[in-house]
Amino acid sequence: MSLDLKTVMDLVAQIPLGRVATYGQIAAMAGFPKHARQVGYLLARTPEDQHLPWHRVINAQGMISERRKHGYQDYQRLLLEEEGIEVGLHGKIKLKDYQWQPD
């Protein structure tokens, strides 16, 4: 059994407006701790017509990760800021303030 796109999509869809989760957090919630990178790969393959809040997933340091597509880091920052999430000068987000803690 391996981490699959549907599981990742289902978890990411639950992240509330104005909150973020880390790649590792999503991996652990899916039952695959230490597979954070795989979560990133799966999110990159998500069809755009899914309207998934992919922008709410950041790295363990609270940073917006680099993207292969030019301009996507700025786009992610814009989407997060539109939700009221403060993003620092270098893309840093305070996890203690914004990290999603599911019940």
PDB file of N, CA and C in Angstrom:
ATOM      1  N   MET A   1       0.843  -1.183   0.000  1.00  0.00           N
ATOM      2  CA  MET A   1       0.000   0.000   0.000  1.00  0.00           C
ATOM      3  C   MET A   1       0.888   1.246   0.000  1.00  0.00           C
ATOM      4  N   SER A   2       0.487   2.253  -0.757  1.00  0.00           N
ATOM      5  CA  SER A   2       1.271   3.480  -0.811  1.00  0.00           C
ATOM      6  C   SER A   2       0.347   4.689  -0.734  1.00  0.00           C
ATOM      7  N   LEU A   3       0.941   5.802  -0.460  1.00  0.00           N
ATOM      8  CA  LEU A   3       0.211   7.066  -0.388  1.00  0.00           C
ATOM      9  C   LEU A   3      -0.365   7.369  -1.766  1.00  0.00           C
ATOM     10  N   ASP A   4      -1.644   7.722  -1.823  1.00  0.00           N
ATOM     11  CA  ASP A   4      -2.268   7.961  -3.123  1.00  0.00           C
ATOM     12  C   ASP A   4      -2.843   9.373  -3.216  1.00  0.00           C
ATOM     13  N   LEU A   5      -3.070   9.803  -4.423  1.00  0.00           N
ATOM     14  CA  LEU A   5      -3.544  11.154  -4.698  1.00  0.00           C
ATOM     15  C   LEU A   5      -4.895  11.433  -4.050  1.00  0.00           C
ATOM     16  N   LYS A   6      -5.815  10.494  -4.097  1.00  0.00           N
ATOM     17  CA  LYS A   6      -7.141  10.719  -3.525  1.00  0.00           C
ATOM     18  C   LYS A   6      -7.054  10.984  -2.027  1.00  0.00           C
ATOM     19  N   THR A   7      -6.255  10.226  -1.312  1.00  0.00           N
ATOM     20  CA  THR A   7      -6.100  10.429   0.129  1.00  0.00           C
ATOM     21  C   THR A   7      -5.536  11.812   0.417  1.00  0.00           C
ATOM     22  N   VAL A   8      -4.504  12.197  -0.316  1.00  0.00           N
ATOM     23  CA  VAL A   8      -3.896  13.514  -0.129  1.00  0.00           C
ATOM     24  C   VAL A   8      -4.907  14.609  -0.442  1.00  0.00           C
ATOM     25  N   MET A   9      -5.630  14.461  -1.532  1.00  0.00           N
ATOM     26  CA  MET A   9      -6.626  15.458  -1.910  1.00  0.00           C
ATOM     27  C   MET A   9      -7.716  15.586  -0.845  1.00  0.00           C
ATOM     28  N   ASP A  10      -8.171  14.462  -0.314  1.00  0.00           N
ATOM     29  CA  ASP A  10      -9.209  14.489   0.727  1.00  0.00           C
ATOM     30  C   ASP A  10      -8.732  15.235   1.966  1.00  0.00           C
ATOM     31  N   LEU A  11      -7.490  15.018   2.365  1.00  0.00           N
ATOM     32  CA  LEU A  11      -6.944  15.686   3.552  1.00  0.00           C
ATOM     33  C   LEU A  11      -6.738  17.181   3.305  1.00  0.00           C
ATOM     34  N   VAL A  12      -6.166  17.522   2.169  1.00  0.00           N
ATOM     35  CA  VAL A  12      -5.914  18.928   1.850  1.00  0.00           C
ATOM     36  C   VAL A  12      -7.228  19.693   1.746  1.00  0.00           C
ATOM     37  N   ALA A  13      -8.255  19.051   1.233  1.00  0.00           N
ATOM     38  CA  ALA A  13      -9.565  19.707   1.113  1.00  0.00           C
ATOM     39  C   ALA A  13     -10.144  20.085   2.474  1.00  0.00           C
ATOM     40  N   GLN A  14      -9.688  19.441   3.544  1.00  0.00           N
ATOM     41  CA  GLN A  14     -10.197  19.717   4.883  1.00  0.00           C
ATOM     42  C   GLN A  14      -9.507  20.903   5.564  1.00  0.00           C
ATOM     43  N   ILE A  15      -8.396  21.374   5.020  1.00  0.00           N
ATOM     44  CA  ILE A  15      -7.680  22.488   5.653  1.00  0.00           C
ATOM     45  C   ILE A  15      -8.562  23.732   5.566  1.00  0.00           C
ATOM     46  N   PRO A  16      -8.911  24.302   6.717  1.00  0.00           N
ATOM     47  CA  PRO A  16      -9.827  25.447   6.704  1.00  0.00           C
ATOM     48  C   PRO A  16      -9.199  26.722   6.138  1.00  0.00           C
ATOM     49  N   LEU A  17     -10.046  27.577   5.666  1.00  0.00           N
ATOM     50  CA  LEU A  17      -9.655  28.906   5.205  1.00  0.00           C
ATOM     51  C   LEU A  17      -8.866  29.601   6.313  1.00  0.00           C
ATOM     52  N   GLY A  18      -7.740  30.198   5.957  1.00  0.00           N
ATOM     53  CA  GLY A  18      -6.933  30.929   6.925  1.00  0.00           C
ATOM     54  C   GLY A  18      -5.998  30.064   7.746  1.00  0.00           C
ATOM     55  N   ARG A  19      -5.866  28.797   7.381  1.00  0.00           N
ATOM     56  CA  ARG A  19      -4.968  27.873   8.075  1.00  0.00           C
ATOM     57  C   ARG A  19      -4.059  27.196   7.063  1.00  0.00           C
ATOM     58  N   VAL A  20      -2.947  26.667   7.553  1.00  0.00           N
ATOM     59  CA  VAL A  20      -2.018  25.919   6.711  1.00  0.00           C
ATOM     60  C   VAL A  20      -1.709  24.578   7.369  1.00  0.00           C
ATOM     61  N   ALA A  21      -1.203  23.673   6.572  1.00  0.00           N
ATOM     62  CA  ALA A  21      -0.693  22.389   7.058  1.00  0.00           C
ATOM     63  C   ALA A  21       0.646  22.164   6.371  1.00  0.00           C
ATOM     64  N   THR A  22       1.472  21.330   6.959  1.00  0.00           N
ATOM     65  CA  THR A  22       2.756  21.020   6.328  1.00  0.00           C
ATOM     66  C   THR A  22       2.623  19.739   5.513  1.00  0.00           C
ATOM     67  N   TYR A  23       3.543  19.578   4.580  1.00  0.00           N
ATOM     68  CA  TYR A  23       3.577  18.348   3.779  1.00  0.00           C
ATOM     69  C   TYR A  23       3.691  17.135   4.700  1.00  0.00           C
ATOM     70  N   GLY A  24       4.550  17.233   5.701  1.00  0.00           N
ATOM     71  CA  GLY A  24       4.743  16.140   6.645  1.00  0.00           C
ATOM     72  C   GLY A  24       3.498  15.862   7.466  1.00  0.00           C
ATOM     73  N   GLN A  25       2.777  16.896   7.823  1.00  0.00           N
ATOM     74  CA  GLN A  25       1.535  16.747   8.578  1.00  0.00           C
ATOM     75  C   GLN A  25       0.515  15.961   7.755  1.00  0.00           C
ATOM     76  N   ILE A  26       0.380  16.314   6.490  1.00  0.00           N
ATOM     77  CA  ILE A  26      -0.555  15.608   5.611  1.00  0.00           C
ATOM     78  C   ILE A  26      -0.123  14.152   5.453  1.00  0.00           C
ATOM     79  N   ALA A  27       1.168  13.923   5.273  1.00  0.00           N
ATOM     80  CA  ALA A  27       1.680  12.554   5.143  1.00  0.00           C
ATOM     81  C   ALA A  27       1.369  11.735   6.395  1.00  0.00           C
ATOM     82  N   ALA A  28       1.617  12.312   7.563  1.00  0.00           N
ATOM     83  CA  ALA A  28       1.359  11.604   8.821  1.00  0.00           C
ATOM     84  C   ALA A  28      -0.134  11.318   8.992  1.00  0.00           C
ATOM     85  N   MET A  29      -0.976  12.283   8.659  1.00  0.00           N
ATOM     86  CA  MET A  29      -2.419  12.088   8.777  1.00  0.00           C
ATOM     87  C   MET A  29      -2.909  10.976   7.845  1.00  0.00           C
ATOM     88  N   ALA A  30      -2.213  10.803   6.726  1.00  0.00           N
ATOM     89  CA  ALA A  30      -2.567   9.760   5.763  1.00  0.00           C
ATOM     90  C   ALA A  30      -2.005   8.395   6.168  1.00  0.00           C
ATOM     91  N   GLY A  31      -1.230   8.380   7.261  1.00  0.00           N
ATOM     92  CA  GLY A  31      -0.651   7.120   7.715  1.00  0.00           C
ATOM     93  C   GLY A  31       0.710   6.815   7.128  1.00  0.00           C
ATOM     94  N   PHE A  32       1.333   7.829   6.541  1.00  0.00           N
ATOM     95  CA  PHE A  32       2.637   7.660   5.926  1.00  0.00           C
ATOM     96  C   PHE A  32       3.625   8.710   6.422  1.00  0.00           C
ATOM     97  N   PRO A  33       3.950   8.665   7.728  1.00  0.00           N
ATOM     98  CA  PRO A  33       4.929   9.630   8.230  1.00  0.00           C
ATOM     99  C   PRO A  33       6.245   9.484   7.464  1.00  0.00           C
ATOM    100  N   LYS A  34       6.963  10.555   7.356  1.00  0.00           N
ATOM    101  CA  LYS A  34       8.236  10.604   6.637  1.00  0.00           C
ATOM    102  C   LYS A  34       8.073  10.525   5.119  1.00  0.00           C
ATOM    103  N   HIS A  35       6.875  10.781   4.631  1.00  0.00           N
ATOM    104  CA  HIS A  35       6.636  10.801   3.185  1.00  0.00           C
ATOM    105  C   HIS A  35       6.190  12.187   2.714  1.00  0.00           C
ATOM    106  N   ALA A  36       6.702  13.214   3.369  1.00  0.00           N
ATOM    107  CA  ALA A  36       6.312  14.588   3.032  1.00  0.00           C
ATOM    108  C   ALA A  36       6.597  14.913   1.569  1.00  0.00           C
ATOM    109  N   ARG A  37       7.723  14.488   1.090  1.00  0.00           N
ATOM    110  CA  ARG A  37       8.091  14.788  -0.300  1.00  0.00           C
ATOM    111  C   ARG A  37       7.098  14.170  -1.278  1.00  0.00           C
ATOM    112  N   GLN A  38       6.637  12.978  -0.960  1.00  0.00           N
ATOM    113  CA  GLN A  38       5.656  12.325  -1.832  1.00  0.00           C
ATOM    114  C   GLN A  38       4.351  13.131  -1.870  1.00  0.00           C
ATOM    115  N   VAL A  39       3.968  13.723  -0.740  1.00  0.00           N
ATOM    116  CA  VAL A  39       2.779  14.584  -0.714  1.00  0.00           C
ATOM    117  C   VAL A  39       2.972  15.733  -1.708  1.00  0.00           C
ATOM    118  N   GLY A  40       4.148  16.332  -1.699  1.00  0.00           N
ATOM    119  CA  GLY A  40       4.439  17.407  -2.645  1.00  0.00           C
ATOM    120  C   GLY A  40       4.334  16.957  -4.084  1.00  0.00           C
ATOM    121  N   TYR A  41       4.878  15.789  -4.377  1.00  0.00           N
ATOM    122  CA  TYR A  41       4.809  15.262  -5.745  1.00  0.00           C
ATOM    123  C   TYR A  41       3.360  15.018  -6.163  1.00  0.00           C
ATOM    124  N   LEU A  42       2.568  14.460  -5.242  1.00  0.00           N
ATOM    125  CA  LEU A  42       1.163  14.196  -5.565  1.00  0.00           C
ATOM    126  C   LEU A  42       0.386  15.496  -5.777  1.00  0.00           C
ATOM    127  N   LEU A  43       0.626  16.479  -4.931  1.00  0.00           N
ATOM    128  CA  LEU A  43      -0.069  17.763  -5.100  1.00  0.00           C
ATOM    129  C   LEU A  43       0.286  18.415  -6.433  1.00  0.00           C
ATOM    130  N   ALA A  44       1.519  18.263  -6.851  1.00  0.00           N
ATOM    131  CA  ALA A  44       1.943  18.840  -8.130  1.00  0.00           C
ATOM    132  C   ALA A  44       1.200  18.190  -9.299  1.00  0.00           C
ATOM    133  N   ARG A  45       0.726  16.974  -9.110  1.00  0.00           N
ATOM    134  CA  ARG A  45       0.007  16.243 -10.166  1.00  0.00           C
ATOM    135  C   ARG A  45      -1.503  16.446 -10.108  1.00  0.00           C
ATOM    136  N   THR A  46      -1.982  17.197  -9.128  1.00  0.00           N
ATOM    137  CA  THR A  46      -3.421  17.389  -8.970  1.00  0.00           C
ATOM    138  C   THR A  46      -3.967  18.221 -10.126  1.00  0.00           C
ATOM    139  N   PRO A  47      -5.001  17.715 -10.789  1.00  0.00           N
ATOM    140  CA  PRO A  47      -5.605  18.497 -11.884  1.00  0.00           C
ATOM    141  C   PRO A  47      -6.140  19.833 -11.361  1.00  0.00           C
ATOM    142  N   GLU A  48      -5.927  20.882 -12.120  1.00  0.00           N
ATOM    143  CA  GLU A  48      -6.336  22.223 -11.702  1.00  0.00           C
ATOM    144  C   GLU A  48      -7.846  22.355 -11.543  1.00  0.00           C
ATOM    145  N   ASP A  49      -8.616  21.548 -12.278  1.00  0.00           N
ATOM    146  CA  ASP A  49     -10.073  21.653 -12.187  1.00  0.00           C
ATOM    147  C   ASP A  49     -10.633  21.077 -10.887  1.00  0.00           C
ATOM    148  N   GLN A  50      -9.776  20.576 -10.002  1.00  0.00           N
ATOM    149  CA  GLN A  50     -10.213  20.020  -8.721  1.00  0.00           C
ATOM    150  C   GLN A  50     -10.490  21.108  -7.681  1.00  0.00           C
ATOM    151  N   HIS A  51     -10.012  22.314  -7.921  1.00  0.00           N
ATOM    152  CA  HIS A  51     -10.212  23.439  -6.991  1.00  0.00           C
ATOM    153  C   HIS A  51      -9.768  23.080  -5.579  1.00  0.00           C
ATOM    154  N   LEU A  52      -8.645  22.420  -5.491  1.00  0.00           N
ATOM    155  CA  LEU A  52      -8.073  21.995  -4.220  1.00  0.00           C
ATOM    156  C   LEU A  52      -7.259  23.135  -3.613  1.00  0.00           C
ATOM    157  N   PRO A  53      -7.384  23.395  -2.307  1.00  0.00           N
ATOM    158  CA  PRO A  53      -6.614  24.483  -1.698  1.00  0.00           C
ATOM    159  C   PRO A  53      -5.149  24.081  -1.457  1.00  0.00           C
ATOM    160  N   TRP A  54      -4.453  23.721  -2.515  1.00  0.00           N
ATOM    161  CA  TRP A  54      -3.059  23.286  -2.470  1.00  0.00           C
ATOM    162  C   TRP A  54      -2.167  24.347  -1.836  1.00  0.00           C
ATOM    163  N   HIS A  55      -2.564  25.596  -1.973  1.00  0.00           N
ATOM    164  CA  HIS A  55      -1.748  26.711  -1.482  1.00  0.00           C
ATOM    165  C   HIS A  55      -1.640  26.720   0.033  1.00  0.00           C
ATOM    166  N   ARG A  56      -2.489  25.976   0.712  1.00  0.00           N
ATOM    167  CA  ARG A  56      -2.461  25.923   2.179  1.00  0.00           C
ATOM    168  C   ARG A  56      -1.459  24.905   2.713  1.00  0.00           C
ATOM    169  N   VAL A  57      -0.718  24.261   1.836  1.00  0.00           N
ATOM    170  CA  VAL A  57       0.281  23.278   2.257  1.00  0.00           C
ATOM    171  C   VAL A  57       1.667  23.886   2.064  1.00  0.00           C
ATOM    172  N   ILE A  58       2.439  23.899   3.150  1.00  0.00           N
ATOM    173  CA  ILE A  58       3.772  24.516   3.156  1.00  0.00           C
ATOM    174  C   ILE A  58       4.772  23.545   3.775  1.00  0.00           C
ATOM    175  N   ASN A  59       6.031  23.915   3.769  1.00  0.00           N
ATOM    176  CA  ASN A  59       7.035  22.998   4.311  1.00  0.00           C
ATOM    177  C   ASN A  59       7.131  23.090   5.834  1.00  0.00           C
ATOM    178  N   ALA A  60       7.888  22.195   6.420  1.00  0.00           N
ATOM    179  CA  ALA A  60       7.982  22.064   7.880  1.00  0.00           C
ATOM    180  C   ALA A  60       8.604  23.283   8.549  1.00  0.00           C
ATOM    181  N   GLN A  61       9.323  24.100   7.812  1.00  0.00           N
ATOM    182  CA  GLN A  61       9.913  25.316   8.361  1.00  0.00           C
ATOM    183  C   GLN A  61       8.926  26.492   8.311  1.00  0.00           C
ATOM    184  N   GLY A  62       7.709  26.222   7.820  1.00  0.00           N
ATOM    185  CA  GLY A  62       6.722  27.288   7.704  1.00  0.00           C
ATOM    186  C   GLY A  62       6.947  28.155   6.488  1.00  0.00           C
ATOM    187  N   MET A  63       7.605  27.597   5.491  1.00  0.00           N
ATOM    188  CA  MET A  63       7.954  28.363   4.298  1.00  0.00           C
ATOM    189  C   MET A  63       7.189  27.866   3.072  1.00  0.00           C
ATOM    190  N   ILE A  64       6.978  28.769   2.152  1.00  0.00           N
ATOM    191  CA  ILE A  64       6.458  28.405   0.844  1.00  0.00           C
ATOM    192  C   ILE A  64       7.603  27.738   0.089  1.00  0.00           C
ATOM    193  N   SER A  65       7.363  26.531  -0.381  1.00  0.00           N
ATOM    194  CA  SER A  65       8.415  25.793  -1.088  1.00  0.00           C
ATOM    195  C   SER A  65       8.574  26.298  -2.515  1.00  0.00           C
ATOM    196  N   GLU A  66       9.766  26.119  -3.037  1.00  0.00           N
ATOM    197  CA  GLU A  66      10.023  26.505  -4.423  1.00  0.00           C
ATOM    198  C   GLU A  66       9.171  25.657  -5.355  1.00  0.00           C
ATOM    199  N   ARG A  67       8.786  26.236  -6.455  1.00  0.00           N
ATOM    200  CA  ARG A  67       7.956  25.561  -7.447  1.00  0.00           C
ATOM    201  C   ARG A  67       8.718  25.455  -8.763  1.00  0.00           C
ATOM    202  N   ARG A  68       8.375  24.444  -9.510  1.00  0.00           N
ATOM    203  CA  ARG A  68       8.979  24.306 -10.842  1.00  0.00           C
ATOM    204  C   ARG A  68       8.354  25.283 -11.826  1.00  0.00           C
ATOM    205  N   LYS A  69       7.061  25.562 -11.623  1.00  0.00           N
ATOM    206  CA  LYS A  69       6.381  26.503 -12.514  1.00  0.00           C
ATOM    207  C   LYS A  69       6.711  27.919 -12.066  1.00  0.00           C
ATOM    208  N   HIS A  70       7.211  28.713 -12.970  1.00  0.00           N
ATOM    209  CA  HIS A  70       7.592  30.094 -12.676  1.00  0.00           C
ATOM    210  C   HIS A  70       6.384  30.885 -12.192  1.00  0.00           C
ATOM    211  N   GLY A  71       6.569  31.625 -11.106  1.00  0.00           N
ATOM    212  CA  GLY A  71       5.534  32.504 -10.588  1.00  0.00           C
ATOM    213  C   GLY A  71       4.609  31.862  -9.573  1.00  0.00           C
ATOM    214  N   TYR A  72       4.680  30.545  -9.391  1.00  0.00           N
ATOM    215  CA  TYR A  72       3.752  29.890  -8.478  1.00  0.00           C
ATOM    216  C   TYR A  72       4.022  30.210  -7.015  1.00  0.00           C
ATOM    217  N   GLN A  73       5.266  30.499  -6.662  1.00  0.00           N
ATOM    218  CA  GLN A  73       5.551  30.891  -5.276  1.00  0.00           C
ATOM    219  C   GLN A  73       4.846  32.202  -4.953  1.00  0.00           C
ATOM    220  N   ASP A  74       4.922  33.156  -5.868  1.00  0.00           N
ATOM    221  CA  ASP A  74       4.249  34.440  -5.669  1.00  0.00           C
ATOM    222  C   ASP A  74       2.737  34.255  -5.651  1.00  0.00           C
ATOM    223  N   TYR A  75       2.243  33.357  -6.502  1.00  0.00           N
ATOM    224  CA  TYR A  75       0.813  33.084  -6.564  1.00  0.00           C
ATOM    225  C   TYR A  75       0.335  32.458  -5.250  1.00  0.00           C
ATOM    226  N   GLN A  76       1.113  31.510  -4.709  1.00  0.00           N
ATOM    227  CA  GLN A  76       0.760  30.886  -3.443  1.00  0.00           C
ATOM    228  C   GLN A  76       0.734  31.921  -2.326  1.00  0.00           C
ATOM    229  N   ARG A  77       1.717  32.770  -2.312  1.00  0.00           N
ATOM    230  CA  ARG A  77       1.776  33.844  -1.305  1.00  0.00           C
ATOM    231  C   ARG A  77       0.529  34.727  -1.388  1.00  0.00           C
ATOM    232  N   LEU A  78       0.162  35.121  -2.586  1.00  0.00           N
ATOM    233  CA  LEU A  78      -1.015  35.958  -2.798  1.00  0.00           C
ATOM    234  C   LEU A  78      -2.278  35.269  -2.282  1.00  0.00           C
ATOM    235  N   LEU A  79      -2.447  33.989  -2.602  1.00  0.00           N
ATOM    236  CA  LEU A  79      -3.625  33.254  -2.154  1.00  0.00           C
ATOM    237  C   LEU A  79      -3.683  33.170  -0.629  1.00  0.00           C
ATOM    238  N   LEU A  80      -2.550  32.914   0.003  1.00  0.00           N
ATOM    239  CA  LEU A  80      -2.509  32.837   1.462  1.00  0.00           C
ATOM    240  C   LEU A  80      -2.819  34.192   2.095  1.00  0.00           C
ATOM    241  N   GLU A  81      -2.240  35.240   1.555  1.00  0.00           N
ATOM    242  CA  GLU A  81      -2.487  36.581   2.093  1.00  0.00           C
ATOM    243  C   GLU A  81      -3.953  36.984   1.923  1.00  0.00           C
ATOM    244  N   GLU A  82      -4.573  36.569   0.826  1.00  0.00           N
ATOM    245  CA  GLU A  82      -5.994  36.858   0.610  1.00  0.00           C
ATOM    246  C   GLU A  82      -6.864  36.200   1.676  1.00  0.00           C
ATOM    247  N   GLU A  83      -6.362  35.115   2.283  1.00  0.00           N
ATOM    248  CA  GLU A  83      -7.090  34.419   3.349  1.00  0.00           C
ATOM    249  C   GLU A  83      -6.743  34.967   4.726  1.00  0.00           C
ATOM    250  N   GLY A  84      -5.912  36.008   4.773  1.00  0.00           N
ATOM    251  CA  GLY A  84      -5.564  36.621   6.043  1.00  0.00           C
ATOM    252  C   GLY A  84      -4.338  36.031   6.719  1.00  0.00           C
ATOM    253  N   ILE A  85      -3.623  35.178   6.022  1.00  0.00           N
ATOM    254  CA  ILE A  85      -2.405  34.580   6.568  1.00  0.00           C
ATOM    255  C   ILE A  85      -1.242  35.527   6.309  1.00  0.00           C
ATOM    256  N   GLU A  86      -0.540  35.874   7.367  1.00  0.00           N
ATOM    257  CA  GLU A  86       0.613  36.760   7.224  1.00  0.00           C
ATOM    258  C   GLU A  86       1.806  35.953   6.728  1.00  0.00           C
ATOM    259  N   VAL A  87       2.365  36.405   5.618  1.00  0.00           N
ATOM    260  CA  VAL A  87       3.527  35.756   5.024  1.00  0.00           C
ATOM    261  C   VAL A  87       4.679  36.738   5.108  1.00  0.00           C
ATOM    262  N   GLY A  88       5.748  36.330   5.768  1.00  0.00           N
ATOM    263  CA  GLY A  88       6.904  37.196   5.944  1.00  0.00           C
ATOM    264  C   GLY A  88       7.633  37.482   4.641  1.00  0.00           C
ATOM    265  N   LEU A  89       8.599  38.351   4.734  1.00  0.00           N
ATOM    266  CA  LEU A  89       9.362  38.805   3.575  1.00  0.00           C
ATOM    267  C   LEU A  89       9.923  37.662   2.731  1.00  0.00           C
ATOM    268  N   HIS A  90      10.411  36.617   3.362  1.00  0.00           N
ATOM    269  CA  HIS A  90      11.017  35.498   2.634  1.00  0.00           C
ATOM    270  C   HIS A  90      10.090  34.292   2.555  1.00  0.00           C
ATOM    271  N   GLY A  91       8.790  34.519   2.657  1.00  0.00           N
ATOM    272  CA  GLY A  91       7.817  33.448   2.527  1.00  0.00           C
ATOM    273  C   GLY A  91       7.589  32.653   3.792  1.00  0.00           C
ATOM    274  N   LYS A  92       7.975  33.198   4.937  1.00  0.00           N
ATOM    275  CA  LYS A  92       7.843  32.505   6.219  1.00  0.00           C
ATOM    276  C   LYS A  92       6.472  32.767   6.829  1.00  0.00           C
ATOM    277  N   ILE A  93       5.845  31.686   7.296  1.00  0.00           N
ATOM    278  CA  ILE A  93       4.542  31.744   7.952  1.00  0.00           C
ATOM    279  C   ILE A  93       4.716  31.202   9.368  1.00  0.00           C
ATOM    280  N   LYS A  94       4.151  31.885  10.336  1.00  0.00           N
ATOM    281  CA  LYS A  94       4.264  31.448  11.733  1.00  0.00           C
ATOM    282  C   LYS A  94       3.315  30.269  11.963  1.00  0.00           C
ATOM    283  N   LEU A  95       3.902  29.070  12.030  1.00  0.00           N
ATOM    284  CA  LEU A  95       3.086  27.877  12.222  1.00  0.00           C
ATOM    285  C   LEU A  95       2.301  27.930  13.530  1.00  0.00           C
ATOM    286  N   LYS A  96       2.898  28.517  14.565  1.00  0.00           N
ATOM    287  CA  LYS A  96       2.180  28.570  15.852  1.00  0.00           C
ATOM    288  C   LYS A  96       0.892  29.380  15.749  1.00  0.00           C
ATOM    289  N   ASP A  97       0.822  30.289  14.795  1.00  0.00           N
ATOM    290  CA  ASP A  97      -0.372  31.108  14.613  1.00  0.00           C
ATOM    291  C   ASP A  97      -1.352  30.536  13.588  1.00  0.00           C
ATOM    292  N   TYR A  98      -0.844  29.851  12.578  1.00  0.00           N
ATOM    293  CA  TYR A  98      -1.686  29.480  11.435  1.00  0.00           C
ATOM    294  C   TYR A  98      -1.809  27.990  11.143  1.00  0.00           C
ATOM    295  N   GLN A  99      -1.057  27.142  11.841  1.00  0.00           N
ATOM    296  CA  GLN A  99      -1.115  25.718  11.498  1.00  0.00           C
ATOM    297  C   GLN A  99      -2.443  25.110  11.933  1.00  0.00           C
ATOM    298  N   TRP A 100      -3.031  24.374  11.024  1.00  0.00           N
ATOM    299  CA  TRP A 100      -4.282  23.661  11.268  1.00  0.00           C
ATOM    300  C   TRP A 100      -4.054  22.538  12.254  1.00  0.00           C
ATOM    301  N   GLN A 101      -4.901  22.485  13.256  1.00  0.00           N
ATOM    302  CA  GLN A 101      -4.861  21.417  14.252  1.00  0.00           C
ATOM    303  C   GLN A 101      -6.227  20.724  14.240  1.00  0.00           C
ATOM    304  N   PRO A 102      -6.364  19.674  13.419  1.00  0.00           N
ATOM    305  CA  PRO A 102      -7.663  19.005  13.351  1.00  0.00           C
ATOM    306  C   PRO A 102      -8.038  18.380  14.697  1.00  0.00           C
ATOM    307  N   ASP A 103      -9.324  18.255  14.913  1.00  0.00           N
ATOM    308  CA  ASP A 103      -9.822  17.673  16.171  1.00  0.00           C
ATOM    309  C   ASP A 103      -9.458  16.209  16.310  1.00  0.00           C
TER     310      ASP A 103
END
